C-alpha atoms as a PDB file:
ATOM      1  CA  MET A   1    -228.687-240.551 -92.706  1.00  0.00           C
ATOM      2  CA  GLY A   2    -229.166-237.697 -89.995  1.00  0.00           C
ATOM      3  CA  ARG A   3    -231.236-239.432 -87.632  1.00  0.00           C
ATOM      4  CA  PRO A   4    -230.234-238.982 -83.666  1.00  0.00           C
ATOM      5  CA  GLU A   5    -229.462-242.607 -83.760  1.00  0.00           C
ATOM      6  CA  ASP A   6    -227.182-242.342 -86.144  1.00  0.00           C
ATOM      7  CA  PHE A   7    -225.187-239.599 -84.549  1.00  0.00           C
ATOM      8  CA  ILE A   8    -225.444-241.478 -81.366  1.00  0.00           C
ATOM      9  CA  SER A   9    -223.813-244.304 -83.087  1.00  0.00           C
ATOM     10  CA  LEU A  10    -221.042-242.644 -84.756  1.00  0.00           C
ATOM     11  CA  LEU A  11    -220.492-240.810 -81.313  1.00  0.00           C
ATOM     12  CA  GLU A  12    -219.769-243.998 -79.714  1.00  0.00           C
ATOM     13  CA  ARG A  13    -217.174-245.312 -82.032  1.00  0.00           C
ATOM     14  CA  ALA A  14    -215.419-241.863 -81.290  1.00  0.00           C
ATOM     15  CA  GLU A  15    -216.021-242.236 -77.618  1.00  0.00           C
ATOM     16  CA  LYS A  16    -213.685-245.462 -77.650  1.00  0.00           C
ATOM     17  CA  ILE A  17    -211.057-243.430 -79.222  1.00  0.00           C
ATOM     18  CA  ASP A  18    -211.341-239.914 -77.428  1.00  0.00           C
ATOM     19  CA  PRO A  19    -213.757-240.153 -73.973  1.00  0.00           C
ATOM     20  CA  ARG A  20    -214.046-236.148 -74.549  1.00  0.00           C
ATOM     21  CA  ALA A  21    -216.481-236.970 -77.237  1.00  0.00           C
ATOM     22  CA  GLN A  22    -218.944-237.118 -74.272  1.00  0.00           C
ATOM     23  CA  ALA A  23    -218.769-233.679 -73.342  1.00  0.00           C
ATOM     24  CA  LEU A  24    -219.408-232.470 -77.016  1.00  0.00           C
ATOM     25  CA  PHE A  25    -222.056-235.220 -76.880  1.00  0.00           C
ATOM     26  CA  GLU A  26    -223.590-233.438 -73.972  1.00  0.00           C
ATOM     27  CA  CYS A  27    -222.936-229.818 -75.344  1.00  0.00           C
ATOM     28  CA  LEU A  28    -224.532-230.597 -78.688  1.00  0.00           C
ATOM     29  CA  CYS A  29    -227.619-232.239 -77.223  1.00  0.00           C
ATOM     30  CA  GLU A  30    -228.576-228.892 -76.251  1.00  0.00           C
ATOM     31  CA  PHE A  31    -229.856-228.202 -79.746  1.00  0.00           C
ATOM     32  CA  LEU A  32    -230.267-231.736 -80.958  1.00  0.00           C
ATOM     33  CA  PRO A  33    -234.150-231.628 -81.468  1.00  0.00           C
ATOM     34  CA  CYS A  34    -234.011-228.696 -83.572  1.00  0.00           C
ATOM     35  CA  ALA A  35    -231.048-229.865 -85.918  1.00  0.00           C
ATOM     36  CA  ALA A  36    -231.383-233.618 -86.065  1.00  0.00           C
ATOM     37  CA  GLU A  37    -231.316-233.716 -89.688  1.00  0.00           C
ATOM     38  CA  HIS A  38    -228.208-231.634 -89.811  1.00  0.00           C
ATOM     39  CA  PHE A  39    -226.246-233.058 -86.767  1.00  0.00           C
ATOM     40  CA  GLY A  40    -224.162-235.340 -88.661  1.00  0.00           C
ATOM     41  CA  ALA A  41    -222.734-232.511 -90.600  1.00  0.00           C
ATOM     42  CA  ALA A  42    -222.244-230.278 -87.412  1.00  0.00           C
ATOM     43  CA  PHE A  43    -220.281-233.315 -85.940  1.00  0.00           C
ATOM     44  CA  ALA A  44    -218.237-233.870 -88.612  1.00  0.00           C
ATOM     45  CA  SER A  45    -217.114-230.417 -88.399  1.00  0.00           C
ATOM     46  CA  VAL A  46    -215.695-231.005 -84.885  1.00  0.00           C
ATOM     47  CA  LEU A  47    -213.882-234.164 -85.493  1.00  0.00           C
ATOM     48  CA  LEU A  48    -210.767-234.893 -87.505  1.00  0.00           C
ATOM     49  CA  LEU A  49    -209.588-238.255 -88.936  1.00  0.00           C
ATOM     50  CA  ASP A  50    -206.147-239.298 -87.383  1.00  0.00           C
ATOM     51  CA  PRO A  51    -203.937-238.951 -90.401  1.00  0.00           C
ATOM     52  CA  GLU A  52    -201.593-242.090 -89.060  1.00  0.00           C
ATOM     53  CA  THR A  53    -204.509-244.247 -87.729  1.00  0.00           C
ATOM     54  CA  LYS A  54    -207.334-243.155 -89.885  1.00  0.00           C
ATOM     55  CA  GLU A  55    -209.293-243.039 -86.906  1.00  0.00           C
ATOM     56  CA  LEU A  56    -211.727-240.451 -85.360  1.00  0.00           C
ATOM     57  CA  ARG A  57    -210.794-238.115 -82.849  1.00  0.00           C
ATOM     58  CA  PHE A  58    -212.233-235.225 -81.211  1.00  0.00           C
ATOM     59  CA  GLU A  59    -210.354-231.778 -82.091  1.00  0.00           C
ATOM     60  CA  PHE A  60    -212.892-229.084 -81.122  1.00  0.00           C
ATOM     61  CA  GLY A  61    -211.844-227.934 -77.932  1.00  0.00           C
ATOM     62  CA  MET A  62    -213.393-229.162 -74.000  1.00  0.00           C
ATOM     63  CA  ASP A  63    -214.127-225.608 -73.228  1.00  0.00           C
ATOM     64  CA  ALA A  64    -215.641-224.335 -76.457  1.00  0.00           C
ATOM     65  CA  PRO A  65    -218.907-222.619 -75.662  1.00  0.00           C
ATOM     66  CA  LEU A  66    -222.036-223.362 -77.086  1.00  0.00           C
ATOM     67  CA  ASP A  67    -222.289-220.211 -79.084  1.00  0.00           C
ATOM     68  CA  GLU A  68    -219.274-221.226 -81.042  1.00  0.00           C
ATOM     69  CA  LEU A  69    -220.917-224.804 -81.898  1.00  0.00           C
ATOM     70  CA  ARG A  70    -223.459-222.827 -83.231  1.00  0.00           C
ATOM     71  CA  LYS A  71    -221.367-221.317 -85.397  1.00  0.00           C
ATOM     72  CA  VAL A  72    -220.258-224.371 -87.230  1.00  0.00           C
ATOM     73  CA  ARG A  73    -221.838-225.137 -90.671  1.00  0.00           C
ATOM     74  CA  LEU A  74    -224.514-227.275 -90.232  1.00  0.00           C
ATOM     75  CA  ARG A  75    -225.918-228.046 -93.671  1.00  0.00           C
ATOM     76  CA  LEU A  76    -223.736-230.254 -95.670  1.00  0.00           C
ATOM     77  CA  GLY A  77    -226.939-231.833 -97.088  1.00  0.00           C
ATOM     78  CA  GLU A  78    -225.650-235.599 -96.370  1.00  0.00           C
ATOM     79  CA  GLY A  79    -226.264-235.439 -92.646  1.00  0.00           C
ATOM     80  CA  ILE A  80    -223.778-238.237 -91.094  1.00  0.00           C
ATOM     81  CA  ALA A  81    -222.410-238.934 -94.573  1.00  0.00           C
ATOM     82  CA  GLY A  82    -220.735-235.485 -94.322  1.00  0.00           C
ATOM     83  CA  TRP A  83    -216.855-234.503 -94.426  1.00  0.00           C
ATOM     84  CA  VAL A  84    -214.339-234.640 -92.066  1.00  0.00           C
ATOM     85  CA  ALA A  85    -210.768-233.219 -92.123  1.00  0.00           C
ATOM     86  CA  LEU A  86    -208.238-235.662 -92.734  1.00  0.00           C
ATOM     87  CA  GLY A  87    -204.895-233.776 -91.464  1.00  0.00           C
ATOM     88  CA  ARG A  88    -205.400-231.179 -93.887  1.00  0.00           C
ATOM     89  CA  ARG A  89    -207.186-232.725 -96.449  1.00  0.00           C
ATOM     90  CA  ILE A  90    -210.877-233.576 -96.851  1.00  0.00           C
ATOM     91  CA  SER A  91    -212.363-237.201 -96.437  1.00  0.00           C
ATOM     92  CA  ARG A  92    -215.852-238.854 -96.332  1.00  0.00           C
ATOM     93  CA  ILE A  93    -216.673-239.885 -93.015  1.00  0.00           C
ATOM     94  CA  GLU A  94    -217.617-243.481 -93.797  1.00  0.00           C
ATOM     95  CA  ASP A  95    -214.314-243.919 -95.502  1.00  0.00           C
ATOM     96  CA  VAL A  96    -211.617-244.291 -92.744  1.00  0.00           C
ATOM     97  CA  GLY A  97    -209.344-246.086 -94.582  1.00  0.00           C
ATOM     98  CA  PRO A  98    -206.628-244.420 -97.002  1.00  0.00           C
ATOM     99  CA  VAL A  99    -208.124-241.821 -99.233  1.00  0.00           C
ATOM    100  CA  PRO A 100    -207.700-242.178-102.967  1.00  0.00           C
ATOM    101  CA  MET A 101    -205.767-239.267-104.322  1.00  0.00           C
ATOM    102  CA  HIS A 102    -204.622-239.984-107.974  1.00  0.00           C
ATOM    103  CA  SER A 103    -205.724-236.783-110.087  1.00  0.00           C
ATOM    104  CA  LYS A 104    -207.995-233.875-109.730  1.00  0.00           C
ATOM    105  CA  LYS A 105    -210.529-234.376-111.912  1.00  0.00           C
ATOM    106  CA  VAL A 106    -214.499-236.045-111.627  1.00  0.00           C
ATOM    107  CA  ASP A 107    -215.107-238.894-113.931  1.00  0.00           C
ATOM    108  CA  LYS A 108    -218.224-237.722-116.018  1.00  0.00           C
ATOM    109  CA  ILE A 109    -219.709-241.146-116.069  1.00  0.00           C
ATOM    110  CA  THR A 110    -219.475-242.543-112.395  1.00  0.00           C
ATOM    111  CA  GLY A 111    -219.378-239.049-111.054  1.00  0.00           C
ATOM    112  CA  HIS A 112    -216.401-240.125-108.743  1.00  0.00           C
ATOM    113  CA  ALA A 113    -214.473-237.287-107.826  1.00  0.00           C
ATOM    114  CA  GLU A 114    -210.611-237.659-106.991  1.00  0.00           C
ATOM    115  CA  ILE A 115    -208.703-234.777-105.780  1.00  0.00           C
ATOM    116  CA  TYR A 116    -205.386-232.872-106.249  1.00  0.00           C
ATOM    117  CA  PRO A 117    -202.311-234.799-104.291  1.00  0.00           C
ATOM    118  CA  GLN A 118    -201.762-232.891-101.211  1.00  0.00           C
ATOM    119  CA  ASN A 119    -198.119-233.351-101.352  1.00  0.00           C
ATOM    120  CA  THR A 120    -197.976-232.125-104.981  1.00  0.00           C
ATOM    121  CA  PHE A 121    -200.086-228.899-103.709  1.00  0.00           C
ATOM    122  CA  ASP A 122    -197.522-228.211-100.886  1.00  0.00           C
ATOM    123  CA  GLU A 123    -194.688-228.690-103.356  1.00  0.00           C
ATOM    124  CA  VAL A 124    -196.070-226.114-105.682  1.00  0.00           C
ATOM    125  CA  LEU A 125    -196.783-223.551-102.856  1.00  0.00           C
ATOM    126  CA  GLY A 126    -193.332-224.165-101.234  1.00  0.00           C
ATOM    127  CA  VAL A 127    -191.749-223.615-104.342  1.00  0.00           C
ATOM    128  CA  ASN A 128    -193.735-220.681-105.678  1.00  0.00           C
ATOM    129  CA  LEU A 129    -194.991-218.893-102.410  1.00  0.00           C
ATOM    130  CA  VAL A 130    -193.060-220.108 -99.195  1.00  0.00           C
ATOM    131  CA  ALA A 131    -189.560-219.843-101.181  1.00  0.00           C
ATOM    132  CA  PRO A 132    -189.700-216.333-102.573  1.00  0.00           C
ATOM    133  CA  THR A 133    -191.601-215.030 -99.341  1.00  0.00           C
ATOM    134  CA  TYR A 134    -189.016-216.037 -97.031  1.00  0.00           C
ATOM    135  CA  TRP A 135    -186.264-214.947 -99.637  1.00  0.00           C
ATOM    136  CA  ALA A 136    -187.778-211.534 -99.601  1.00  0.00           C
ATOM    137  CA  LEU A 137    -187.763-211.376 -95.596  1.00  0.00           C
ATOM    138  CA  GLU A 138    -184.047-212.650 -95.498  1.00  0.00           C
ATOM    139  CA  MET A 139    -183.252-209.742 -97.586  1.00  0.00           C
ATOM    140  CA  MET A 140    -185.426-207.073 -95.636  1.00  0.00           C
ATOM    141  CA  ALA A 141    -184.334-208.429 -92.259  1.00  0.00           C
ATOM    142  CA  ARG A 142    -180.701-208.133 -93.440  1.00  0.00           C
ATOM    143  CA  ILE A 143    -181.078-204.725 -94.660  1.00  0.00           C
ATOM    144  CA  ALA A 144    -182.669-203.636 -91.473  1.00  0.00           C
ATOM    145  CA  ALA A 145    -180.241-205.052 -89.290  1.00  0.00           C
ATOM    146  CA  ASP A 146    -177.619-203.184 -91.524  1.00  0.00           C
ATOM    147  CA  ARG A 147    -179.285-199.832 -91.036  1.00  0.00           C
ATOM    148  CA  LYS A 148    -179.675-200.497 -87.176  1.00  0.00           C
ATOM    149  CA  ARG A 149    -175.757-200.727 -87.099  1.00  0.00           C
ATOM    150  CA  ARG A 150    -175.406-197.716 -88.909  1.00  0.00           C
ATOM    151  CA  GLY A 151    -177.408-195.959 -86.628  1.00  0.00           C
ATOM    152  CA  LEU A 152    -180.431-195.091 -89.111  1.00  0.00           C
ATOM    153  CA  GLY A 153    -184.080-195.752 -88.243  1.00  0.00           C
ATOM    154  CA  ARG A 154    -187.030-195.104 -90.555  1.00  0.00           C
ATOM    155  CA  TRP A 155    -186.010-194.541 -94.067  1.00  0.00           C
ATOM    156  CA  GLU A 156    -186.416-190.915 -95.533  1.00  0.00           C
ATOM    157  CA  PRO A 157    -187.061-189.963 -99.298  1.00  0.00           C
ATOM    158  CA  GLU A 158    -183.945-188.007 -99.336  1.00  0.00           C
ATOM    159  CA  GLU A 159    -181.824-191.288 -99.066  1.00  0.00           C
ATOM    160  CA  ASP A 160    -181.444-194.007-101.964  1.00  0.00           C
ATOM    161  CA  ILE A 161    -183.784-196.838-102.115  1.00  0.00           C
ATOM    162  CA  GLN A 162    -182.216-199.706-100.225  1.00  0.00           C
ATOM    163  CA  GLY A 163    -183.670-202.304-102.286  1.00  0.00           C
ATOM    164  CA  SER A 164    -186.446-203.567-104.390  1.00  0.00           C
ATOM    165  CA  VAL A 165    -188.180-206.897-104.697  1.00  0.00           C
ATOM    166  CA  VAL A 166    -189.995-207.991-107.513  1.00  0.00           C
ATOM    167  CA  PHE A 167    -191.900-211.176-107.302  1.00  0.00           C
ATOM    168  CA  ILE A 168    -193.042-213.385-110.434  1.00  0.00           C
ATOM    169  CA  GLY A 169    -196.592-213.923-110.181  1.00  0.00           C
ATOM    170  CA  SER A 170    -198.904-214.868-113.059  1.00  0.00           C
ATOM    171  CA  VAL A 171    -202.150-214.280-114.856  1.00  0.00           C
ATOM    172  CA  SER A 172    -203.194-217.364-113.113  1.00  0.00           C
ATOM    173  CA  ALA A 173    -203.668-215.600-109.983  1.00  0.00           C
ATOM    174  CA  GLN A 174    -206.813-214.464-111.120  1.00  0.00           C
ATOM    175  CA  GLY A 175    -207.940-218.159-111.143  1.00  0.00           C
ATOM    176  CA  ASN A 176    -207.218-220.829-114.092  1.00  0.00           C
ATOM    177  CA  LYS A 177    -208.889-224.064-114.781  1.00  0.00           C
ATOM    178  CA  GLY A 178    -206.747-227.391-113.827  1.00  0.00           C
ATOM    179  CA  GLN A 179    -204.298-225.241-112.144  1.00  0.00           C
ATOM    180  CA  ILE A 180    -205.505-225.008-108.512  1.00  0.00           C
ATOM    181  CA  SER A 181    -202.188-225.001-106.670  1.00  0.00           C
ATOM    182  CA  TYR A 182    -200.466-222.952-109.236  1.00  0.00           C
ATOM    183  CA  ALA A 183    -203.066-220.245-109.026  1.00  0.00           C
ATOM    184  CA  ALA A 184    -203.279-220.391-105.434  1.00  0.00           C
ATOM    185  CA  SER A 185    -199.630-219.709-104.977  1.00  0.00           C
ATOM    186  CA  LYS A 186    -199.402-217.088-107.278  1.00  0.00           C
ATOM    187  CA  ALA A 187    -202.568-215.150-105.973  1.00  0.00           C
ATOM    188  CA  GLY A 188    -200.746-215.518-102.367  1.00  0.00           C
ATOM    189  CA  LEU A 189    -197.599-214.191-103.817  1.00  0.00           C
ATOM    190  CA  ALA A 190    -199.811-210.704-104.735  1.00  0.00           C
ATOM    191  CA  GLY A 191    -201.040-210.939-101.124  1.00  0.00           C
ATOM    192  CA  VAL A 192    -197.330-211.057 -99.996  1.00  0.00           C
ATOM    193  CA  ALA A 193    -196.305-208.480-102.047  1.00  0.00           C
ATOM    194  CA  ALA A 194    -199.097-206.139-101.092  1.00  0.00           C
ATOM    195  CA  THR A 195    -198.326-206.685 -97.462  1.00  0.00           C
ATOM    196  CA  LEU A 196    -194.478-206.379 -97.475  1.00  0.00           C
ATOM    197  CA  ASP A 197    -195.151-203.471 -99.715  1.00  0.00           C
ATOM    198  CA  HIS A 198    -196.523-201.589 -96.782  1.00  0.00           C
ATOM    199  CA  GLU A 199    -194.242-202.978 -94.167  1.00  0.00           C
ATOM    200  CA  ALA A 200    -190.867-202.850 -95.777  1.00  0.00           C
ATOM    201  CA  ILE A 201    -190.736-199.139 -97.103  1.00  0.00           C
ATOM    202  CA  PHE A 202    -190.152-198.319 -93.339  1.00  0.00           C
ATOM    203  CA  HIS A 203    -186.474-199.992 -94.206  1.00  0.00           C
ATOM    204  CA  GLY A 204    -186.337-198.348 -97.893  1.00  0.00           C
ATOM    205  CA  VAL A 205    -187.389-201.513 -99.466  1.00  0.00           C
ATOM    206  CA  ARG A 206    -190.042-201.656-102.492  1.00  0.00           C
ATOM    207  CA  CYS A 207    -191.933-204.475-102.999  1.00  0.00           C
ATOM    208  CA  ALA A 208    -193.878-205.233-106.169  1.00  0.00           C
ATOM    209  CA  VAL A 209    -195.292-208.147-108.419  1.00  0.00           C
ATOM    210  CA  ILE A 210    -195.597-208.690-112.320  1.00  0.00           C
ATOM    211  CA  HIS A 211    -197.933-211.187-113.581  1.00  0.00           C
ATOM    212  CA  PRO A 212    -196.804-212.607-116.816  1.00  0.00           C
ATOM    213  CA  GLY A 213    -198.956-214.500-119.137  1.00  0.00           C
ATOM    214  CA  TYR A 214    -198.021-217.298-121.170  1.00  0.00           C
ATOM    215  CA  THR A 215    -194.641-217.153-122.179  1.00  0.00           C
ATOM    216  CA  ASP A 216    -192.555-219.228-124.645  1.00  0.00           C
ATOM    217  CA  THR A 217    -190.620-221.315-122.251  1.00  0.00           C
ATOM    218  CA  PRO A 218    -190.063-225.158-122.132  1.00  0.00           C
ATOM    219  CA  MET A 219    -192.600-225.307-119.197  1.00  0.00           C
ATOM    220  CA  VAL A 220    -195.355-223.811-121.494  1.00  0.00           C
ATOM    221  CA  ARG A 221    -194.159-225.367-124.710  1.00  0.00           C
ATOM    222  CA  ALA A 222    -194.686-228.857-122.642  1.00  0.00           C
ATOM    223  CA  LEU A 223    -198.455-228.194-123.045  1.00  0.00           C
ATOM    224  CA  GLY A 224    -198.359-229.177-126.712  1.00  0.00           C
ATOM    225  CA  GLU A 225    -198.752-227.072-129.626  1.00  0.00           C
ATOM    226  CA  ASP A 226    -202.672-228.212-129.997  1.00  0.00           C
ATOM    227  CA  LEU A 227    -203.504-226.758-126.485  1.00  0.00           C
ATOM    228  CA  ILE A 228    -201.396-223.557-127.137  1.00  0.00           C
ATOM    229  CA  ASP A 229    -203.025-223.390-130.527  1.00  0.00           C
ATOM    230  CA  GLN A 230    -206.427-223.872-129.507  1.00  0.00           C
ATOM    231  CA  ALA A 231    -206.807-222.857-125.952  1.00  0.00           C
ATOM    232  CA  ILE A 232    -204.419-220.070-125.137  1.00  0.00           C
ATOM    233  CA  LEU A 233    -203.520-217.989-128.382  1.00  0.00           C
ATOM    234  CA  PRO A 234    -207.120-217.349-129.012  1.00  0.00           C
ATOM    235  CA  GLN A 235    -207.843-215.553-125.801  1.00  0.00           C
ATOM    236  CA  THR A 236    -204.585-213.595-125.988  1.00  0.00           C
ATOM    237  CA  GLN A 237    -205.006-210.326-127.912  1.00  0.00           C
ATOM    238  CA  LEU A 238    -201.479-210.631-129.383  1.00  0.00           C
ATOM    239  CA  ARG A 239    -202.243-213.934-130.580  1.00  0.00           C
ATOM    240  CA  ARG A 240    -198.651-215.369-129.498  1.00  0.00           C
ATOM    241  CA  LEU A 241    -196.784-216.459-126.637  1.00  0.00           C
ATOM    242  CA  LEU A 242    -194.903-213.545-124.576  1.00  0.00           C
ATOM    243  CA  ARG A 243    -191.163-213.773-125.424  1.00  0.00           C
ATOM    244  CA  PRO A 244    -188.920-213.967-122.189  1.00  0.00           C
ATOM    245  CA  ASP A 245    -187.095-210.785-122.963  1.00  0.00           C
ATOM    246  CA  GLU A 246    -190.328-209.122-122.892  1.00  0.00           C
ATOM    247  CA  VAL A 247    -191.010-210.442-119.281  1.00  0.00           C
ATOM    248  CA  ALA A 248    -187.048-209.350-118.470  1.00  0.00           C
ATOM    249  CA  ASP A 249    -187.849-205.794-119.434  1.00  0.00           C
ATOM    250  CA  ALA A 250    -190.925-205.594-117.297  1.00  0.00           C
ATOM    251  CA  ILE A 251    -188.965-206.578-114.398  1.00  0.00           C
ATOM    252  CA  VAL A 252    -186.032-204.191-115.145  1.00  0.00           C
ATOM    253  CA  PHE A 253    -188.718-201.487-115.268  1.00  0.00           C
ATOM    254  CA  MET A 254    -190.250-202.296-112.014  1.00  0.00           C
ATOM    255  CA  LEU A 255    -186.788-202.340-110.608  1.00  0.00           C
ATOM    256  CA  ARG A 256    -185.425-199.049-112.068  1.00  0.00           C
ATOM    257  CA  ASN A 257    -188.350-196.912-111.401  1.00  0.00           C
ATOM    258  CA  SER A 258    -188.899-196.382-107.721  1.00  0.00           C
ATOM    259  CA  ALA A 259    -192.182-194.492-108.472  1.00  0.00           C
ATOM    260  CA  VAL A 260    -193.901-197.734-109.805  1.00  0.00           C
ATOM    261  CA  SER A 261    -195.450-200.066-107.175  1.00  0.00           C
ATOM    262  CA  GLY A 262    -198.316-202.510-106.718  1.00  0.00           C
ATOM    263  CA  SER A 263    -198.774-205.100-109.722  1.00  0.00           C
ATOM    264  CA  LEU A 264    -197.900-205.027-113.290  1.00  0.00           C
ATOM    265  CA  TRP A 265    -199.613-207.431-115.745  1.00  0.00           C
ATOM    266  CA  VAL A 266    -197.368-208.374-118.344  1.00  0.00           C
ATOM    267  CA  ASP A 267    -200.102-210.516-120.344  1.00  0.00           C
ATOM    268  CA  ALA A 268    -200.340-209.778-123.994  1.00  0.00           C
ATOM    269  CA  GLY A 269    -203.741-209.140-123.352  1.00  0.00           C
ATOM    270  CA  TRP A 270    -204.802-212.536-121.860  1.00  0.00           C
ATOM    271  CA  HIS A 271    -208.541-212.863-121.662  1.00  0.00           C
ATOM    272  CA  PRO A 272    -209.918-216.536-120.568  1.00  0.00           C
ATOM    273  CA  ALA A 273    -213.260-217.503-121.573  1.00  0.00           C
ATOM    274  CA  ALA A 274    -215.434-218.132-118.267  1.00  0.00           C
END
């Protein structure tokens, strides 16, 4: 794959859907001779599969300069048989039908990879990242509006703290095998906390995040005693699960002590193996 004739054949398919692909072709032809073996990858990088019709459509932009096209990652190692975006997902370019997405594992025998369902990924981010972020923004907006009504501007140290936000992160924010959506949501929450920590203090609001380790809750117990005993406790310095009251104490500490900022790790000495 990756031969010029393969690219042109694929382009013709796209042209039937969107004639603007011809403009892309003319632009790309300027560097086709020196990148023929990688052309498929470059082309795939600037096409999308329509999530409804599963058809290729041009989405790069008519006025994109050649310099921008040159920045596209060319080498995907598979030429035309590269990757394209399917909405916000990724799909093989030759698979224009529905994409199987049942799990997030690779079959060790066949090598067939199935990826994490996007709707589940979105749900986890919605609960763990989007909801607490907008809750915090709503709280800060109300405090800012109240201060404005009272004729107050920038918060001053002589005033009382107007509010404190403590996000519940997780040790998974540093990455955890098998938890890509959860880890992404908690890592994102740490970024939200760090950003709002800079912004919200103007209105007298503190923002911080605690990162609990594995805690004795129904969610963790649902993992099963064998997994807890074999994969979690041996990598925890205290060799036990955290108690919920220990996490609660950490939250209270962050709320009561206005001199504390940033992140607090309540992890019982969690040090996962690579």
